[in-house]
Amino acid sequence: MNNLLLAQASLDGAMSEGLGIIARFLFIIAVVVIAHGGWQIRSGNADQGKMSIVGGLLLGLAVVIAEALFNAGGMPTISISQ
């Protein structure tokens, strides 16, 4: 993995790899936030639980939402490497 990250030939490739790492990290955080929201609803705090679930969904989709907004505005974007 480190060799792939260090051996990128262009800036676009390196940025794509970095964006993929950020997307994976945000997905893990989103899962934790959504689980915490479910726990809050179970313990009787429905309002904060709903807010946590919505926040987790926004975190998980942050990269996709940002890319869609940039494409809608006609700005160039970098594709996420898988």
N, C-alpha and C. Protein backbone atom coordinates (compact mmCIF):
# COMPACT_ATOMS: atom_id res chain seq x y z
N MET A 1 0.83 -1.19 0.00
CA MET A 1 0.00 0.00 0.00
C MET A 1 0.87 1.25 0.00
N ASN A 2 1.93 1.26 0.82
CA ASN A 2 2.80 2.43 0.85
C ASN A 2 3.51 2.63 -0.48
N ASN A 3 3.89 1.54 -1.13
CA ASN A 3 4.56 1.65 -2.43
C ASN A 3 3.63 2.27 -3.46
N LEU A 4 2.35 1.89 -3.42
CA LEU A 4 1.40 2.46 -4.36
C LEU A 4 1.21 3.95 -4.12
N LEU A 5 1.17 4.35 -2.86
CA LEU A 5 0.97 5.76 -2.53
C LEU A 5 2.18 6.60 -2.92
N LEU A 6 3.38 6.06 -2.73
CA LEU A 6 4.59 6.82 -3.02
C LEU A 6 4.96 6.78 -4.50
N ALA A 7 4.48 5.80 -5.23
CA ALA A 7 4.89 5.64 -6.62
C ALA A 7 3.92 6.27 -7.61
N GLN A 8 3.05 7.17 -7.16
CA GLN A 8 2.12 7.82 -8.08
C GLN A 8 2.90 8.72 -9.02
N ALA A 9 2.56 8.63 -10.30
CA ALA A 9 3.30 9.37 -11.31
C ALA A 9 2.82 10.81 -11.45
N SER A 10 1.61 11.08 -11.06
CA SER A 10 1.07 12.42 -11.25
C SER A 10 0.37 12.90 -10.00
N LEU A 11 0.12 14.18 -9.95
CA LEU A 11 -0.59 14.77 -8.82
C LEU A 11 -2.02 14.26 -8.75
N ASP A 12 -2.66 14.06 -9.90
CA ASP A 12 -4.03 13.55 -9.92
C ASP A 12 -4.11 12.17 -9.28
N GLY A 13 -3.15 11.31 -9.57
CA GLY A 13 -3.14 9.98 -8.98
C GLY A 13 -2.97 10.01 -7.48
N ALA A 14 -2.08 10.86 -7.01
CA ALA A 14 -1.86 10.98 -5.57
C ALA A 14 -3.09 11.56 -4.87
N MET A 15 -3.71 12.57 -5.49
CA MET A 15 -4.91 13.17 -4.90
C MET A 15 -6.07 12.17 -4.88
N SER A 16 -6.17 11.36 -5.92
CA SER A 16 -7.20 10.34 -5.98
C SER A 16 -7.03 9.32 -4.86
N GLU A 17 -5.80 8.91 -4.65
CA GLU A 17 -5.52 7.95 -3.57
C GLU A 17 -5.82 8.56 -2.21
N GLY A 18 -5.44 9.81 -2.01
CA GLY A 18 -5.72 10.49 -0.74
C GLY A 18 -7.21 10.65 -0.50
N LEU A 19 -7.97 10.96 -1.56
CA LEU A 19 -9.41 11.10 -1.43
C LEU A 19 -10.06 9.76 -1.09
N GLY A 20 -9.52 8.69 -1.63
CA GLY A 20 -10.03 7.36 -1.29
C GLY A 20 -9.79 7.02 0.18
N ILE A 21 -8.63 7.40 0.70
CA ILE A 21 -8.33 7.16 2.11
C ILE A 21 -9.26 7.98 3.00
N ILE A 22 -9.51 9.23 2.64
CA ILE A 22 -10.42 10.07 3.41
C ILE A 22 -11.83 9.49 3.38
N ALA A 23 -12.27 9.01 2.22
CA ALA A 23 -13.61 8.43 2.11
C ALA A 23 -13.76 7.20 2.99
N ARG A 24 -12.73 6.36 3.04
CA ARG A 24 -12.80 5.17 3.90
C ARG A 24 -12.85 5.57 5.38
N PHE A 25 -12.05 6.55 5.77
CA PHE A 25 -12.02 7.02 7.15
C PHE A 25 -13.38 7.61 7.54
N LEU A 26 -13.98 8.41 6.66
CA LEU A 26 -15.28 9.00 6.94
C LEU A 26 -16.36 7.93 7.04
N PHE A 27 -16.25 6.87 6.25
CA PHE A 27 -17.24 5.80 6.32
C PHE A 27 -17.20 5.11 7.68
N ILE A 28 -16.01 4.86 8.21
CA ILE A 28 -15.88 4.23 9.53
C ILE A 28 -16.47 5.14 10.61
N ILE A 29 -16.17 6.43 10.55
CA ILE A 29 -16.72 7.36 11.53
C ILE A 29 -18.23 7.42 11.42
N ALA A 30 -18.76 7.41 10.19
CA ALA A 30 -20.20 7.47 9.98
C ALA A 30 -20.90 6.25 10.59
N VAL A 31 -20.31 5.08 10.46
CA VAL A 31 -20.90 3.88 11.05
C VAL A 31 -20.97 4.00 12.56
N VAL A 32 -19.92 4.53 13.17
CA VAL A 32 -19.90 4.70 14.63
C VAL A 32 -20.95 5.72 15.06
N VAL A 33 -21.08 6.83 14.33
CA VAL A 33 -22.05 7.87 14.69
C VAL A 33 -23.48 7.35 14.53
N ILE A 34 -23.75 6.58 13.48
CA ILE A 34 -25.09 6.02 13.30
C ILE A 34 -25.41 5.01 14.40
N ALA A 35 -24.44 4.19 14.77
CA ALA A 35 -24.66 3.24 15.86
C ALA A 35 -24.92 3.97 17.18
N HIS A 36 -24.19 5.06 17.40
CA HIS A 36 -24.42 5.86 18.61
C HIS A 36 -25.82 6.48 18.59
N GLY A 37 -26.28 6.91 17.43
CA GLY A 37 -27.63 7.44 17.32
C GLY A 37 -28.67 6.39 17.65
N GLY A 38 -28.48 5.17 17.19
CA GLY A 38 -29.39 4.08 17.53
C GLY A 38 -29.41 3.80 19.01
N TRP A 39 -28.23 3.86 19.63
CA TRP A 39 -28.15 3.66 21.08
C TRP A 39 -28.88 4.78 21.83
N GLN A 40 -28.75 6.02 21.36
CA GLN A 40 -29.45 7.14 21.99
C GLN A 40 -30.96 6.99 21.88
N ILE A 41 -31.44 6.55 20.73
CA ILE A 41 -32.89 6.34 20.57
C ILE A 41 -33.35 5.24 21.51
N ARG A 42 -32.57 4.20 21.64
CA ARG A 42 -32.93 3.10 22.52
C ARG A 42 -32.98 3.53 23.98
N SER A 43 -32.10 4.46 24.35
CA SER A 43 -32.08 4.91 25.74
C SER A 43 -33.10 6.01 26.01
N GLY A 44 -33.91 6.39 25.01
CA GLY A 44 -35.00 7.32 25.23
C GLY A 44 -34.74 8.73 24.75
N ASN A 45 -33.60 9.00 24.19
CA ASN A 45 -33.27 10.34 23.72
C ASN A 45 -33.42 10.38 22.20
N ALA A 46 -34.70 10.44 21.76
CA ALA A 46 -35.00 10.29 20.34
C ALA A 46 -34.48 11.45 19.51
N ASP A 47 -34.57 12.67 20.02
CA ASP A 47 -34.16 13.83 19.22
C ASP A 47 -32.67 13.79 18.89
N GLN A 48 -31.83 13.55 19.89
CA GLN A 48 -30.40 13.47 19.63
C GLN A 48 -30.05 12.24 18.80
N GLY A 49 -30.79 11.17 18.97
CA GLY A 49 -30.55 9.97 18.17
C GLY A 49 -30.81 10.21 16.69
N LYS A 50 -31.91 10.91 16.39
CA LYS A 50 -32.21 11.22 14.99
C LYS A 50 -31.15 12.14 14.40
N MET A 51 -30.72 13.12 15.18
CA MET A 51 -29.67 14.03 14.70
C MET A 51 -28.37 13.28 14.44
N SER A 52 -28.03 12.32 15.30
CA SER A 52 -26.81 11.54 15.10
C SER A 52 -26.91 10.68 13.84
N ILE A 53 -28.07 10.09 13.59
CA ILE A 53 -28.23 9.26 12.41
C ILE A 53 -28.12 10.10 11.15
N VAL A 54 -28.77 11.27 11.13
CA VAL A 54 -28.67 12.15 9.96
C VAL A 54 -27.23 12.64 9.77
N GLY A 55 -26.57 12.99 10.87
CA GLY A 55 -25.17 13.42 10.79
C GLY A 55 -24.27 12.31 10.27
N GLY A 56 -24.51 11.08 10.70
CA GLY A 56 -23.73 9.95 10.21
C GLY A 56 -23.92 9.72 8.73
N LEU A 57 -25.17 9.88 8.26
CA LEU A 57 -25.42 9.73 6.83
C LEU A 57 -24.71 10.82 6.04
N LEU A 58 -24.73 12.04 6.54
CA LEU A 58 -24.02 13.13 5.85
C LEU A 58 -22.52 12.90 5.84
N LEU A 59 -21.97 12.40 6.94
CA LEU A 59 -20.53 12.10 6.97
C LEU A 59 -20.17 11.01 5.96
N GLY A 60 -20.98 9.97 5.92
CA GLY A 60 -20.70 8.87 5.02
C GLY A 60 -20.78 9.26 3.55
N LEU A 61 -21.64 10.23 3.24
CA LEU A 61 -21.83 10.65 1.85
C LEU A 61 -21.13 11.97 1.53
N ALA A 62 -20.29 12.46 2.41
CA ALA A 62 -19.67 13.78 2.23
C ALA A 62 -18.86 13.88 0.94
N VAL A 63 -18.08 12.88 0.64
CA VAL A 63 -17.24 12.93 -0.57
C VAL A 63 -18.10 12.89 -1.82
N VAL A 64 -19.14 12.06 -1.80
CA VAL A 64 -20.03 11.94 -2.95
C VAL A 64 -20.82 13.24 -3.16
N ILE A 65 -21.30 13.85 -2.06
CA ILE A 65 -22.04 15.10 -2.15
C ILE A 65 -21.15 16.21 -2.69
N ALA A 66 -19.94 16.31 -2.18
CA ALA A 66 -19.02 17.36 -2.65
C ALA A 66 -18.70 17.18 -4.13
N GLU A 67 -18.47 15.95 -4.56
CA GLU A 67 -18.17 15.71 -5.97
C GLU A 67 -19.36 16.07 -6.86
N ALA A 68 -20.58 15.75 -6.40
CA ALA A 68 -21.78 16.08 -7.18
C ALA A 68 -21.96 17.59 -7.28
N LEU A 69 -21.69 18.32 -6.20
CA LEU A 69 -21.82 19.78 -6.24
C LEU A 69 -20.78 20.40 -7.17
N PHE A 70 -19.56 19.89 -7.15
CA PHE A 70 -18.53 20.42 -8.05
C PHE A 70 -18.89 20.12 -9.50
N ASN A 71 -19.39 18.92 -9.78
CA ASN A 71 -19.79 18.59 -11.15
C ASN A 71 -20.95 19.45 -11.61
N ALA A 72 -21.90 19.74 -10.72
CA ALA A 72 -23.05 20.57 -11.07
C ALA A 72 -22.60 21.99 -11.38
N GLY A 73 -21.57 22.46 -10.73
CA GLY A 73 -21.06 23.80 -10.97
C GLY A 73 -20.10 23.88 -12.15
N GLY A 74 -19.79 22.75 -12.75
CA GLY A 74 -18.91 22.74 -13.91
C GLY A 74 -17.44 22.77 -13.56
N MET A 75 -17.08 22.51 -12.31
CA MET A 75 -15.67 22.50 -11.91
C MET A 75 -15.10 21.10 -12.09
N PRO A 76 -13.85 20.98 -12.46
CA PRO A 76 -13.26 19.64 -12.63
C PRO A 76 -13.06 18.96 -11.28
N THR A 77 -13.22 17.65 -11.26
CA THR A 77 -13.03 16.88 -10.03
C THR A 77 -12.05 15.74 -10.30
N ILE A 78 -11.60 15.13 -9.21
CA ILE A 78 -10.69 13.99 -9.28
C ILE A 78 -11.49 12.77 -8.88
N SER A 79 -11.40 11.70 -9.64
CA SER A 79 -12.14 10.50 -9.31
C SER A 79 -11.48 9.79 -8.12
N ILE A 80 -12.30 9.12 -7.34
CA ILE A 80 -11.82 8.42 -6.16
C ILE A 80 -11.24 7.09 -6.59
N SER A 81 -10.03 6.78 -6.12
CA SER A 81 -9.44 5.48 -6.45
C SER A 81 -10.00 4.44 -5.51
N GLN A 82 -10.23 3.25 -6.06
CA GLN A 82 -10.84 2.17 -5.26
C GLN A 82 -9.79 1.27 -4.68
